[in-house]
Amino acid sequence: SLQRRGYSLAAIKELFDGHRRGAHLDELLGIAQG
């Protein structure tokens, strides 16, 4: 789903890692958007 939205594997991993450590949504969106 994330790849179809244009995210690279590196960005997806950062999203998953951020979710695992309990990062807030705005932080995760910042990672995804650059």
PDB file of all heavy atoms in Angstrom:
ATOM      1  N   SER A   1       0.824  -1.206   0.000  1.00  0.00           N
ATOM      2  CA  SER A   1       0.000   0.000   0.000  1.00  0.00           C
ATOM      3  C   SER A   1       0.861   1.259   0.000  1.00  0.00           C
ATOM      4  O   SER A   1       0.598   2.214  -0.747  1.00  0.00           O
ATOM      5  CB  SER A   1      -0.925  -0.008   1.226  1.00  0.00           C
ATOM      6  OG  SER A   1      -1.666   1.198   1.306  1.00  0.00           O
ATOM      7  N   LEU A   2       1.917   1.272   0.822  1.00  0.00           N
ATOM      8  CA  LEU A   2       2.789   2.445   0.893  1.00  0.00           C
ATOM      9  C   LEU A   2       3.584   2.623  -0.392  1.00  0.00           C
ATOM     10  O   LEU A   2       3.806   3.756  -0.842  1.00  0.00           O
ATOM     11  CB  LEU A   2       3.735   2.309   2.095  1.00  0.00           C
ATOM     12  CG  LEU A   2       3.063   2.459   3.465  1.00  0.00           C
ATOM     13  CD1 LEU A   2       4.002   2.011   4.573  1.00  0.00           C
ATOM     14  CD2 LEU A   2       2.616   3.903   3.688  1.00  0.00           C
ATOM     15  N   GLN A   3       4.021   1.519  -1.006  1.00  0.00           N
ATOM     16  CA  GLN A   3       4.742   1.627  -2.267  1.00  0.00           C
ATOM     17  C   GLN A   3       3.854   2.217  -3.353  1.00  0.00           C
ATOM     18  O   GLN A   3       4.316   3.033  -4.160  1.00  0.00           O
ATOM     19  CB  GLN A   3       5.247   0.251  -2.700  1.00  0.00           C
ATOM     20  CG  GLN A   3       6.495  -0.210  -1.956  1.00  0.00           C
ATOM     21  CD  GLN A   3       7.048  -1.489  -2.527  1.00  0.00           C
ATOM     22  OE1 GLN A   3       6.300  -2.424  -2.803  1.00  0.00           O
ATOM     23  NE2 GLN A   3       8.350  -1.545  -2.706  1.00  0.00           N
ATOM     24  N   ARG A   4       2.597   1.830  -3.384  1.00  0.00           N
ATOM     25  CA  ARG A   4       1.682   2.375  -4.392  1.00  0.00           C
ATOM     26  C   ARG A   4       1.459   3.862  -4.177  1.00  0.00           C
ATOM     27  O   ARG A   4       1.097   4.577  -5.122  1.00  0.00           O
ATOM     28  CB  ARG A   4       0.349   1.619  -4.356  1.00  0.00           C
ATOM     29  CG  ARG A   4       0.433   0.207  -4.934  1.00  0.00           C
ATOM     30  CD  ARG A   4      -0.939  -0.414  -5.097  1.00  0.00           C
ATOM     31  NE  ARG A   4      -1.589  -0.673  -3.816  1.00  0.00           N
ATOM     32  CZ  ARG A   4      -1.419  -1.779  -3.106  1.00  0.00           C
ATOM     33  NH1 ARG A   4      -0.602  -2.726  -3.545  1.00  0.00           N
ATOM     34  NH2 ARG A   4      -2.059  -1.963  -1.968  1.00  0.00           N
ATOM     35  N   ARG A   5       1.677   4.332  -2.966  1.00  0.00           N
ATOM     36  CA  ARG A   5       1.536   5.767  -2.684  1.00  0.00           C
ATOM     37  C   ARG A   5       2.843   6.513  -2.926  1.00  0.00           C
ATOM     38  O   ARG A   5       2.926   7.711  -2.706  1.00  0.00           O
ATOM     39  CB  ARG A   5       1.087   5.958  -1.235  1.00  0.00           C
ATOM     40  CG  ARG A   5      -0.326   5.439  -0.981  1.00  0.00           C
ATOM     41  CD  ARG A   5      -0.649   5.351   0.489  1.00  0.00           C
ATOM     42  NE  ARG A   5      -0.598   6.639   1.151  1.00  0.00           N
ATOM     43  CZ  ARG A   5      -0.705   6.812   2.467  1.00  0.00           C
ATOM     44  NH1 ARG A   5      -0.879   5.745   3.237  1.00  0.00           N
ATOM     45  NH2 ARG A   5      -0.646   8.007   2.989  1.00  0.00           N
ATOM     46  N   GLY A   6       3.877   5.793  -3.381  1.00  0.00           N
ATOM     47  CA  GLY A   6       5.109   6.453  -3.782  1.00  0.00           C
ATOM     48  C   GLY A   6       6.238   6.419  -2.783  1.00  0.00           C
ATOM     49  O   GLY A   6       7.274   7.027  -2.999  1.00  0.00           O
ATOM     50  N   TYR A   7       6.072   5.700  -1.652  1.00  0.00           N
ATOM     51  CA  TYR A   7       7.130   5.653  -0.647  1.00  0.00           C
ATOM     52  C   TYR A   7       8.198   4.631  -1.031  1.00  0.00           C
ATOM     53  O   TYR A   7       7.893   3.546  -1.526  1.00  0.00           O
ATOM     54  CB  TYR A   7       6.555   5.274   0.728  1.00  0.00           C
ATOM     55  CG  TYR A   7       5.591   6.288   1.287  1.00  0.00           C
ATOM     56  CD1 TYR A   7       4.434   5.883   1.950  1.00  0.00           C
ATOM     57  CD2 TYR A   7       5.823   7.641   1.145  1.00  0.00           C
ATOM     58  CE1 TYR A   7       3.537   6.807   2.463  1.00  0.00           C
ATOM     59  CE2 TYR A   7       4.931   8.570   1.656  1.00  0.00           C
ATOM     60  CZ  TYR A   7       3.794   8.154   2.314  1.00  0.00           C
ATOM     61  OH  TYR A   7       2.915   9.067   2.817  1.00  0.00           O
ATOM     62  N   SER A   8       9.456   4.985  -0.794  1.00  0.00           N
ATOM     63  CA  SER A   8      10.554   4.068  -1.035  1.00  0.00           C
ATOM     64  C   SER A   8      10.641   3.065   0.109  1.00  0.00           C
ATOM     65  O   SER A   8      10.051   3.262   1.181  1.00  0.00           O
ATOM     66  CB  SER A   8      11.876   4.828  -1.138  1.00  0.00           C
ATOM     67  OG  SER A   8      12.216   5.388   0.122  1.00  0.00           O
ATOM     68  N   LEU A   9      11.411   1.990  -0.090  1.00  0.00           N
ATOM     69  CA  LEU A   9      11.580   1.006   0.972  1.00  0.00           C
ATOM     70  C   LEU A   9      12.246   1.628   2.193  1.00  0.00           C
ATOM     71  O   LEU A   9      11.920   1.287   3.335  1.00  0.00           O
ATOM     72  CB  LEU A   9      12.405  -0.183   0.470  1.00  0.00           C
ATOM     73  CG  LEU A   9      11.721  -1.097  -0.557  1.00  0.00           C
ATOM     74  CD1 LEU A   9      12.643  -2.248  -0.926  1.00  0.00           C
ATOM     75  CD2 LEU A   9      10.398  -1.622  -0.025  1.00  0.00           C
ATOM     76  N   ALA A  10      13.191   2.545   1.960  1.00  0.00           N
ATOM     77  CA  ALA A  10      13.864   3.198   3.085  1.00  0.00           C
ATOM     78  C   ALA A  10      12.872   4.011   3.917  1.00  0.00           C
ATOM     79  O   ALA A  10      12.891   3.978   5.150  1.00  0.00           O
ATOM     80  CB  ALA A  10      14.990   4.094   2.574  1.00  0.00           C
ATOM     81  N   ALA A  11      11.978   4.752   3.236  1.00  0.00           N
ATOM     82  CA  ALA A  11      10.982   5.549   3.951  1.00  0.00           C
ATOM     83  C   ALA A  11       9.992   4.654   4.690  1.00  0.00           C
ATOM     84  O   ALA A  11       9.574   4.955   5.814  1.00  0.00           O
ATOM     85  CB  ALA A  11      10.251   6.472   2.978  1.00  0.00           C
ATOM     86  N   ILE A  12       9.635   3.537   4.060  1.00  0.00           N
ATOM     87  CA  ILE A  12       8.699   2.608   4.703  1.00  0.00           C
ATOM     88  C   ILE A  12       9.320   2.026   5.959  1.00  0.00           C
ATOM     89  O   ILE A  12       8.661   1.901   6.994  1.00  0.00           O
ATOM     90  CB  ILE A  12       8.306   1.490   3.718  1.00  0.00           C
ATOM     91  CG1 ILE A  12       7.482   2.073   2.564  1.00  0.00           C
ATOM     92  CG2 ILE A  12       7.503   0.399   4.425  1.00  0.00           C
ATOM     93  CD1 ILE A  12       7.209   1.095   1.440  1.00  0.00           C
ATOM     94  N   LYS A  13      10.602   1.669   5.893  1.00  0.00           N
ATOM     95  CA  LYS A  13      11.269   1.123   7.076  1.00  0.00           C
ATOM     96  C   LYS A  13      11.295   2.138   8.210  1.00  0.00           C
ATOM     97  O   LYS A  13      11.083   1.797   9.379  1.00  0.00           O
ATOM     98  CB  LYS A  13      12.689   0.682   6.742  1.00  0.00           C
ATOM     99  CG  LYS A  13      13.386  -0.012   7.922  1.00  0.00           C
ATOM    100  CD  LYS A  13      14.765  -0.497   7.557  1.00  0.00           C
ATOM    101  CE  LYS A  13      15.357  -1.309   8.708  1.00  0.00           C
ATOM    102  NZ  LYS A  13      15.394  -0.564   9.979  1.00  0.00           N
ATOM    103  N   GLU A  14      11.545   3.406   7.873  1.00  0.00           N
ATOM    104  CA  GLU A  14      11.555   4.443   8.908  1.00  0.00           C
ATOM    105  C   GLU A  14      10.168   4.589   9.534  1.00  0.00           C
ATOM    106  O   GLU A  14      10.051   4.826  10.745  1.00  0.00           O
ATOM    107  CB  GLU A  14      12.033   5.767   8.315  1.00  0.00           C
ATOM    108  CG  GLU A  14      13.516   5.781   7.984  1.00  0.00           C
ATOM    109  CD  GLU A  14      14.013   7.181   7.680  1.00  0.00           C
ATOM    110  OE1 GLU A  14      14.207   7.967   8.627  1.00  0.00           O
ATOM    111  OE2 GLU A  14      14.214   7.481   6.494  1.00  0.00           O
ATOM    112  N   LEU A  15       9.131   4.465   8.707  1.00  0.00           N
ATOM    113  CA  LEU A  15       7.770   4.524   9.242  1.00  0.00           C
ATOM    114  C   LEU A  15       7.516   3.379  10.217  1.00  0.00           C
ATOM    115  O   LEU A  15       6.997   3.583  11.318  1.00  0.00           O
ATOM    116  CB  LEU A  15       6.760   4.469   8.096  1.00  0.00           C
ATOM    117  CG  LEU A  15       6.515   5.763   7.316  1.00  0.00           C
ATOM    118  CD1 LEU A  15       5.707   5.471   6.070  1.00  0.00           C
ATOM    119  CD2 LEU A  15       5.805   6.784   8.188  1.00  0.00           C
ATOM    120  N   PHE A  16       7.898   2.166   9.818  1.00  0.00           N
ATOM    121  CA  PHE A  16       7.689   1.011  10.685  1.00  0.00           C
ATOM    122  C   PHE A  16       8.516   1.124  11.967  1.00  0.00           C
ATOM    123  O   PHE A  16       8.036   0.827  13.064  1.00  0.00           O
ATOM    124  CB  PHE A  16       8.064  -0.278   9.942  1.00  0.00           C
ATOM    125  CG  PHE A  16       7.100  -0.652   8.843  1.00  0.00           C
ATOM    126  CD1 PHE A  16       7.507  -1.463   7.791  1.00  0.00           C
ATOM    127  CD2 PHE A  16       5.793  -0.203   8.858  1.00  0.00           C
ATOM    128  CE1 PHE A  16       6.629  -1.816   6.787  1.00  0.00           C
ATOM    129  CE2 PHE A  16       4.904  -0.541   7.853  1.00  0.00           C
ATOM    130  CZ  PHE A  16       5.326  -1.355   6.811  1.00  0.00           C
ATOM    131  N   ASP A  17       9.767   1.555  11.816  1.00  0.00           N
ATOM    132  CA  ASP A  17      10.628   1.703  12.998  1.00  0.00           C
ATOM    133  C   ASP A  17      10.079   2.762  13.940  1.00  0.00           C
ATOM    134  O   ASP A  17      10.101   2.591  15.166  1.00  0.00           O
ATOM    135  CB  ASP A  17      12.050   2.071  12.569  1.00  0.00           C
ATOM    136  CG  ASP A  17      12.770   0.918  11.878  1.00  0.00           C
ATOM    137  OD1 ASP A  17      12.282  -0.220  11.966  1.00  0.00           O
ATOM    138  OD2 ASP A  17      13.818   1.175  11.249  1.00  0.00           O
ATOM    139  N   GLY A  18       9.574   3.860  13.343  1.00  0.00           N
ATOM    140  CA  GLY A  18       9.002   4.914  14.171  1.00  0.00           C
ATOM    141  C   GLY A  18       7.766   4.448  14.907  1.00  0.00           C
ATOM    142  O   GLY A  18       7.565   4.759  16.083  1.00  0.00           O
ATOM    143  N   HIS A  19       6.930   3.674  14.217  1.00  0.00           N
ATOM    144  CA  HIS A  19       5.731   3.140  14.864  1.00  0.00           C
ATOM    145  C   HIS A  19       6.104   2.205  16.006  1.00  0.00           C
ATOM    146  O   HIS A  19       5.484   2.215  17.079  1.00  0.00           O
ATOM    147  CB  HIS A  19       4.883   2.402  13.833  1.00  0.00           C
ATOM    148  CG  HIS A  19       3.605   1.858  14.380  1.00  0.00           C
ATOM    149  ND1 HIS A  19       3.497   0.572  14.885  1.00  0.00           N
ATOM    150  CD2 HIS A  19       2.377   2.422  14.534  1.00  0.00           C
ATOM    151  CE1 HIS A  19       2.269   0.380  15.302  1.00  0.00           C
ATOM    152  NE2 HIS A  19       1.567   1.472  15.102  1.00  0.00           N
ATOM    153  N   ARG A  20       7.154   1.405  15.807  1.00  0.00           N
ATOM    154  CA  ARG A  20       7.572   0.452  16.837  1.00  0.00           C
ATOM    155  C   ARG A  20       8.062   1.170  18.095  1.00  0.00           C
ATOM    156  O   ARG A  20       7.840   0.700  19.205  1.00  0.00           O
ATOM    157  CB  ARG A  20       8.667  -0.457  16.284  1.00  0.00           C
ATOM    158  CG  ARG A  20       9.099  -1.566  17.244  1.00  0.00           C
ATOM    159  CD  ARG A  20      10.173  -2.444  16.659  1.00  0.00           C
ATOM    160  NE  ARG A  20       9.676  -3.206  15.519  1.00  0.00           N
ATOM    161  CZ  ARG A  20      10.078  -3.020  14.265  1.00  0.00           C
ATOM    162  NH1 ARG A  20      10.978  -2.098  13.991  1.00  0.00           N
ATOM    163  NH2 ARG A  20       9.590  -3.753  13.286  1.00  0.00           N
ATOM    164  N   ARG A  21       8.737   2.298  17.913  1.00  0.00           N
ATOM    165  CA  ARG A  21       9.262   3.002  19.087  1.00  0.00           C
ATOM    166  C   ARG A  21       8.248   3.995  19.656  1.00  0.00           C
ATOM    167  O   ARG A  21       8.553   4.733  20.593  1.00  0.00           O
ATOM    168  CB  ARG A  21      10.557   3.731  18.744  1.00  0.00           C
ATOM    169  CG  ARG A  21      10.421   4.896  17.781  1.00  0.00           C
ATOM    170  CD  ARG A  21      11.727   5.681  17.635  1.00  0.00           C
ATOM    171  NE  ARG A  21      11.559   6.842  16.804  1.00  0.00           N
ATOM    172  CZ  ARG A  21      11.777   6.868  15.490  1.00  0.00           C
ATOM    173  NH1 ARG A  21      12.185   5.769  14.862  1.00  0.00           N
ATOM    174  NH2 ARG A  21      11.594   7.977  14.801  1.00  0.00           N
ATOM    175  N   GLY A  22       7.038   4.026  19.072  1.00  0.00           N
ATOM    176  CA  GLY A  22       5.978   4.854  19.618  1.00  0.00           C
ATOM    177  C   GLY A  22       6.012   6.298  19.178  1.00  0.00           C
ATOM    178  O   GLY A  22       5.537   7.179  19.894  1.00  0.00           O
ATOM    179  N   ALA A  23       6.573   6.564  17.984  1.00  0.00           N
ATOM    180  CA  ALA A  23       6.647   7.940  17.502  1.00  0.00           C
ATOM    181  C   ALA A  23       5.252   8.484  17.221  1.00  0.00           C
ATOM    182  O   ALA A  23       4.327   7.742  16.878  1.00  0.00           O
ATOM    183  CB  ALA A  23       7.490   8.002  16.232  1.00  0.00           C
ATOM    184  N   HIS A  24       5.093   9.803  17.366  1.00  0.00           N
ATOM    185  CA  HIS A  24       3.814  10.443  17.098  1.00  0.00           C
ATOM    186  C   HIS A  24       3.569  10.510  15.595  1.00  0.00           C
ATOM    187  O   HIS A  24       4.490  10.447  14.780  1.00  0.00           O
ATOM    188  CB  HIS A  24       3.793  11.861  17.680  1.00  0.00           C
ATOM    189  CG  HIS A  24       3.850  11.872  19.172  1.00  0.00           C
ATOM    190  ND1 HIS A  24       2.866  11.322  19.968  1.00  0.00           N
ATOM    191  CD2 HIS A  24       4.792  12.348  20.030  1.00  0.00           C
ATOM    192  CE1 HIS A  24       3.181  11.473  21.239  1.00  0.00           C
ATOM    193  NE2 HIS A  24       4.346  12.083  21.299  1.00  0.00           N
ATOM    194  N   LEU A  25       2.300  10.686  15.236  1.00  0.00           N
ATOM    195  CA  LEU A  25       1.916  10.701  13.836  1.00  0.00           C
ATOM    196  C   LEU A  25       2.615  11.810  13.067  1.00  0.00           C
ATOM    197  O   LEU A  25       3.067  11.604  11.940  1.00  0.00           O
ATOM    198  CB  LEU A  25       0.391  10.854  13.714  1.00  0.00           C
ATOM    199  CG  LEU A  25      -0.163  10.917  12.287  1.00  0.00           C
ATOM    200  CD1 LEU A  25       0.178   9.626  11.547  1.00  0.00           C
ATOM    201  CD2 LEU A  25      -1.661  11.140  12.312  1.00  0.00           C
ATOM    202  N   ASP A  26       2.732  13.017  13.655  1.00  0.00           N
ATOM    203  CA  ASP A  26       3.361  14.107  12.923  1.00  0.00           C
ATOM    204  C   ASP A  26       4.824  13.809  12.640  1.00  0.00           C
ATOM    205  O   ASP A  26       5.373  14.193  11.605  1.00  0.00           O
ATOM    206  CB  ASP A  26       3.220  15.444  13.672  1.00  0.00           C
ATOM    207  CG  ASP A  26       3.745  15.371  15.093  1.00  0.00           C
ATOM    208  OD1 ASP A  26       4.104  14.261  15.545  1.00  0.00           O
ATOM    209  OD2 ASP A  26       3.810  16.423  15.756  1.00  0.00           O
ATOM    210  N   GLU A  27       5.485  13.098  13.557  1.00  0.00           N
ATOM    211  CA  GLU A  27       6.879  12.720  13.316  1.00  0.00           C
ATOM    212  C   GLU A  27       6.960  11.715  12.167  1.00  0.00           C
ATOM    213  O   GLU A  27       7.822  11.819  11.288  1.00  0.00           O
ATOM    214  CB  GLU A  27       7.491  12.113  14.577  1.00  0.00           C
ATOM    215  CG  GLU A  27       8.936  11.651  14.388  1.00  0.00           C
ATOM    216  CD  GLU A  27       9.483  10.951  15.611  1.00  0.00           C
ATOM    217  OE1 GLU A  27       8.833  11.000  16.674  1.00  0.00           O
ATOM    218  OE2 GLU A  27      10.558  10.344  15.500  1.00  0.00           O
ATOM    219  N   LEU A  28       6.049  10.739  12.169  1.00  0.00           N
ATOM    220  CA  LEU A  28       6.053   9.734  11.115  1.00  0.00           C
ATOM    221  C   LEU A  28       5.768  10.372   9.757  1.00  0.00           C
ATOM    222  O   LEU A  28       6.387  10.017   8.752  1.00  0.00           O
ATOM    223  CB  LEU A  28       5.007   8.656  11.404  1.00  0.00           C
ATOM    224  CG  LEU A  28       5.251   7.813  12.657  1.00  0.00           C
ATOM    225  CD1 LEU A  28       4.132   6.799  12.822  1.00  0.00           C
ATOM    226  CD2 LEU A  28       6.590   7.118  12.583  1.00  0.00           C
ATOM    227  N   LEU A  29       4.839  11.320   9.713  1.00  0.00           N
ATOM    228  CA  LEU A  29       4.537  12.001   8.460  1.00  0.00           C
ATOM    229  C   LEU A  29       5.731  12.806   7.988  1.00  0.00           C
ATOM    230  O   LEU A  29       6.009  12.900   6.797  1.00  0.00           O
ATOM    231  CB  LEU A  29       3.313  12.906   8.625  1.00  0.00           C
ATOM    232  CG  LEU A  29       1.980  12.174   8.803  1.00  0.00           C
ATOM    233  CD1 LEU A  29       0.867  13.168   9.068  1.00  0.00           C
ATOM    234  CD2 LEU A  29       1.664  11.319   7.591  1.00  0.00           C
ATOM    235  N   GLY A  30       6.473  13.363   8.901  1.00  0.00           N
ATOM    236  CA  GLY A  30       7.682  14.099   8.532  1.00  0.00           C
ATOM    237  C   GLY A  30       8.704  13.193   7.892  1.00  0.00           C
ATOM    238  O   GLY A  30       9.368  13.553   6.921  1.00  0.00           O
ATOM    239  N   ILE A  31       8.831  11.959   8.413  1.00  0.00           N
ATOM    240  CA  ILE A  31       9.746  10.991   7.826  1.00  0.00           C
ATOM    241  C   ILE A  31       9.288  10.625   6.427  1.00  0.00           C
ATOM    242  O   ILE A  31      10.078  10.559   5.486  1.00  0.00           O
ATOM    243  CB  ILE A  31       9.813   9.725   8.702  1.00  0.00           C
ATOM    244  CG1 ILE A  31      10.518  10.051  10.013  1.00  0.00           C
ATOM    245  CG2 ILE A  31      10.533   8.591   7.991  1.00  0.00           C
ATOM    246  CD1 ILE A  31      10.481   8.914  11.027  1.00  0.00           C
ATOM    247  N   ALA A  32       7.985  10.384   6.275  1.00  0.00           N
ATOM    248  CA  ALA A  32       7.477   9.935   4.982  1.00  0.00           C
ATOM    249  C   ALA A  32       7.595  11.014   3.922  1.00  0.00           C
ATOM    250  O   ALA A  32       7.822  10.730   2.754  1.00  0.00           O
ATOM    251  CB  ALA A  32       6.012   9.501   5.119  1.00  0.00           C
ATOM    252  N   GLN A  33       7.436  12.263   4.313  1.00  0.00           N
ATOM    253  CA  GLN A  33       7.427  13.342   3.340  1.00  0.00           C
ATOM    254  C   GLN A  33       8.821  13.889   3.067  1.00  0.00           C
ATOM    255  O   GLN A  33       8.998  14.717   2.189  1.00  0.00           O
ATOM    256  CB  GLN A  33       6.525  14.481   3.839  1.00  0.00           C
ATOM    257  CG  GLN A  33       5.065  14.070   3.931  1.00  0.00           C
ATOM    258  CD  GLN A  33       4.214  15.094   4.637  1.00  0.00           C
ATOM    259  OE1 GLN A  33       4.716  16.117   5.112  1.00  0.00           O
ATOM    260  NE2 GLN A  33       2.934  14.833   4.731  1.00  0.00           N
ATOM    261  N   GLY A  34       9.823  13.402   3.771  1.00  0.00           N
ATOM    262  CA  GLY A  34      11.167  13.896   3.573  1.00  0.00           C
ATOM    263  C   GLY A  34      11.617  14.723   4.758  1.00  0.00           C
ATOM    264  O   GLY A  34      10.831  15.365   5.434  1.00  0.00           O
TER     265      GLY A  34
END
